[in-house]
N, C-alpha and C. Protein backbone atom coordinates (compact mmCIF):
# COMPACT_ATOMS: atom_id res chain seq x y z
N MET A 1 38.94 -27.51 116.09
CA MET A 1 38.12 -26.62 115.32
C MET A 1 38.50 -25.18 115.67
N SER A 2 38.28 -24.30 114.73
CA SER A 2 38.60 -22.90 114.93
C SER A 2 37.38 -22.03 114.65
N VAL A 3 37.36 -20.88 115.27
CA VAL A 3 36.32 -19.89 115.05
C VAL A 3 37.00 -18.62 114.59
N TYR A 4 36.42 -17.97 113.59
CA TYR A 4 36.98 -16.75 113.05
C TYR A 4 35.97 -15.62 113.16
N ARG A 5 36.47 -14.45 113.37
CA ARG A 5 35.65 -13.25 113.43
C ARG A 5 35.90 -12.46 112.15
N VAL A 6 34.87 -11.75 111.66
CA VAL A 6 34.99 -10.97 110.44
C VAL A 6 34.60 -9.52 110.74
N ILE A 7 35.45 -8.58 110.30
CA ILE A 7 35.15 -7.16 110.46
C ILE A 7 35.37 -6.45 109.13
N ASP A 8 34.77 -5.27 108.99
CA ASP A 8 35.00 -4.42 107.83
C ASP A 8 35.99 -3.33 108.19
N VAL A 9 36.94 -3.09 107.29
CA VAL A 9 37.87 -1.98 107.43
C VAL A 9 37.95 -1.27 106.08
N VAL A 10 38.26 0.02 106.11
CA VAL A 10 38.39 0.81 104.89
C VAL A 10 39.76 1.46 104.89
N GLY A 11 40.50 1.25 103.80
CA GLY A 11 41.78 1.90 103.62
C GLY A 11 41.67 2.97 102.55
N THR A 12 42.51 3.99 102.64
CA THR A 12 42.51 5.05 101.64
C THR A 12 43.91 5.27 101.10
N SER A 13 43.97 5.80 99.88
CA SER A 13 45.24 6.09 99.24
C SER A 13 45.03 7.14 98.16
N ALA A 14 46.02 7.96 97.97
CA ALA A 14 45.98 8.94 96.89
C ALA A 14 46.47 8.34 95.57
N SER A 15 46.98 7.08 95.62
CA SER A 15 47.58 6.52 94.40
C SER A 15 46.81 5.36 93.76
N SER A 16 46.20 4.45 94.57
CA SER A 16 45.54 3.29 93.95
C SER A 16 44.66 2.55 94.96
N TRP A 17 43.75 1.72 94.40
CA TRP A 17 42.94 0.86 95.25
C TRP A 17 43.81 -0.19 95.93
N GLU A 18 44.82 -0.68 95.23
CA GLU A 18 45.70 -1.70 95.82
C GLU A 18 46.43 -1.14 97.03
N GLU A 19 46.92 0.09 96.91
CA GLU A 19 47.61 0.73 98.03
C GLU A 19 46.64 0.97 99.19
N ALA A 20 45.40 1.32 98.89
CA ALA A 20 44.39 1.50 99.93
C ALA A 20 44.13 0.18 100.66
N ALA A 21 44.05 -0.91 99.92
CA ALA A 21 43.87 -2.23 100.53
C ALA A 21 45.06 -2.58 101.41
N ARG A 22 46.24 -2.34 100.91
CA ARG A 22 47.46 -2.64 101.67
C ARG A 22 47.49 -1.83 102.97
N GLU A 23 47.10 -0.57 102.89
CA GLU A 23 47.08 0.29 104.07
C GLU A 23 46.09 -0.22 105.11
N ALA A 24 44.91 -0.65 104.66
CA ALA A 24 43.90 -1.17 105.59
C ALA A 24 44.41 -2.42 106.31
N ILE A 25 45.00 -3.32 105.57
CA ILE A 25 45.49 -4.58 106.15
C ILE A 25 46.67 -4.33 107.08
N THR A 26 47.59 -3.49 106.64
CA THR A 26 48.77 -3.19 107.46
C THR A 26 48.38 -2.53 108.77
N THR A 27 47.48 -1.57 108.70
CA THR A 27 47.05 -0.88 109.91
C THR A 27 46.29 -1.82 110.84
N ALA A 28 45.37 -2.62 110.29
CA ALA A 28 44.59 -3.55 111.11
C ALA A 28 45.48 -4.60 111.76
N SER A 29 46.53 -5.01 111.08
CA SER A 29 47.40 -6.06 111.64
C SER A 29 48.17 -5.58 112.87
N GLY A 30 48.18 -4.27 113.09
CA GLY A 30 48.82 -3.74 114.29
C GLY A 30 48.05 -4.07 115.56
N SER A 31 46.75 -4.27 115.45
CA SER A 31 45.96 -4.56 116.65
C SER A 31 45.21 -5.89 116.57
N LEU A 32 45.12 -6.48 115.38
CA LEU A 32 44.46 -7.78 115.22
C LEU A 32 45.53 -8.84 114.98
N HIS A 33 45.31 -10.00 115.55
CA HIS A 33 46.30 -11.08 115.41
C HIS A 33 45.69 -12.25 114.65
N ASP A 34 46.54 -13.02 114.03
CA ASP A 34 46.13 -14.20 113.26
C ASP A 34 45.16 -13.86 112.13
N LEU A 35 45.49 -12.79 111.36
CA LEU A 35 44.67 -12.46 110.19
C LEU A 35 44.71 -13.64 109.23
N ARG A 36 43.55 -13.96 108.64
CA ARG A 36 43.47 -15.12 107.76
C ARG A 36 43.14 -14.75 106.32
N VAL A 37 42.05 -14.03 106.12
CA VAL A 37 41.58 -13.74 104.76
C VAL A 37 41.16 -12.28 104.69
N ALA A 38 41.49 -11.65 103.57
CA ALA A 38 41.02 -10.29 103.29
C ALA A 38 40.26 -10.33 101.98
N GLU A 39 39.00 -9.91 102.01
CA GLU A 39 38.17 -9.92 100.82
C GLU A 39 37.72 -8.49 100.51
N VAL A 40 38.04 -8.03 99.30
CA VAL A 40 37.61 -6.70 98.87
C VAL A 40 36.11 -6.75 98.60
N THR A 41 35.35 -5.87 99.26
CA THR A 41 33.90 -5.86 99.09
C THR A 41 33.41 -4.63 98.34
N LYS A 42 34.21 -3.56 98.32
CA LYS A 42 33.79 -2.35 97.63
C LYS A 42 34.99 -1.46 97.37
N GLN A 43 34.96 -0.81 96.22
CA GLN A 43 35.99 0.18 95.89
C GLN A 43 35.28 1.42 95.37
N ASP A 44 35.76 2.59 95.78
CA ASP A 44 35.23 3.83 95.23
C ASP A 44 36.31 4.89 95.23
N VAL A 45 35.99 6.01 94.60
CA VAL A 45 36.92 7.13 94.51
C VAL A 45 36.19 8.39 94.94
N VAL A 46 36.81 9.16 95.81
CA VAL A 46 36.30 10.45 96.21
C VAL A 46 37.05 11.50 95.40
N VAL A 47 36.29 12.37 94.74
CA VAL A 47 36.90 13.44 93.95
C VAL A 47 36.83 14.72 94.76
N GLY A 48 38.00 15.28 95.09
CA GLY A 48 38.07 16.50 95.88
C GLY A 48 37.71 17.73 95.05
N ASP A 49 37.49 18.84 95.73
CA ASP A 49 37.15 20.09 95.06
C ASP A 49 38.22 20.51 94.06
N ASP A 50 39.47 20.16 94.36
CA ASP A 50 40.58 20.52 93.48
C ASP A 50 40.85 19.46 92.41
N GLY A 51 40.00 18.44 92.33
CA GLY A 51 40.16 17.38 91.35
C GLY A 51 41.02 16.24 91.81
N ALA A 52 41.57 16.33 93.03
CA ALA A 52 42.41 15.25 93.57
C ALA A 52 41.54 14.02 93.82
N LEU A 53 42.11 12.86 93.58
CA LEU A 53 41.40 11.60 93.78
C LEU A 53 41.86 10.92 95.06
N LEU A 54 40.90 10.34 95.79
CA LEU A 54 41.20 9.54 96.96
C LEU A 54 40.56 8.18 96.75
N PHE A 55 41.39 7.16 96.58
CA PHE A 55 40.93 5.80 96.36
C PHE A 55 40.60 5.17 97.71
N ARG A 56 39.42 4.52 97.79
CA ARG A 56 39.02 3.85 99.02
C ARG A 56 38.68 2.39 98.70
N THR A 57 39.17 1.51 99.56
CA THR A 57 38.90 0.08 99.42
C THR A 57 38.34 -0.45 100.73
N ARG A 58 37.14 -1.04 100.65
CA ARG A 58 36.55 -1.67 101.83
C ARG A 58 36.87 -3.14 101.78
N ILE A 59 37.32 -3.67 102.92
CA ILE A 59 37.77 -5.05 103.01
C ILE A 59 37.12 -5.73 104.20
N GLN A 60 36.70 -6.97 104.01
CA GLN A 60 36.30 -7.81 105.14
C GLN A 60 37.52 -8.61 105.54
N LEU A 61 37.92 -8.46 106.78
CA LEU A 61 39.07 -9.19 107.32
C LEU A 61 38.60 -10.26 108.28
N SER A 62 39.14 -11.45 108.13
CA SER A 62 38.84 -12.49 109.11
C SER A 62 40.10 -12.79 109.91
N PHE A 63 39.88 -13.05 111.18
CA PHE A 63 40.98 -13.37 112.07
C PHE A 63 40.51 -14.36 113.10
N LYS A 64 41.44 -15.11 113.63
CA LYS A 64 41.10 -16.16 114.58
C LYS A 64 40.53 -15.54 115.85
N TYR A 65 39.39 -16.04 116.27
CA TYR A 65 38.71 -15.55 117.46
C TYR A 65 39.39 -16.09 118.71
N ALA A 66 39.74 -15.17 119.60
CA ALA A 66 40.33 -15.56 120.89
C ALA A 66 39.45 -14.98 121.99
N PRO A 67 38.71 -15.82 122.70
CA PRO A 67 37.83 -15.31 123.76
C PRO A 67 38.66 -14.59 124.83
N GLU A 68 38.06 -13.56 125.39
CA GLU A 68 38.77 -12.78 126.42
C GLU A 68 38.73 -13.43 127.77
């Protein structure tokens, strides 16, 4: 049997929600091991004062739990 832990991460991108998701997963995989599932839970856009858009994607990541 296996146990998995779930955390929320948020990625950002100036180009798309997909790129924001990719950034979140790529960055998290640098310190988390055995990533299993990524579920998008929220997407939004921040509009800057100059009209620039910042896409944000919130993801729940599950990874295999390894007791310390």
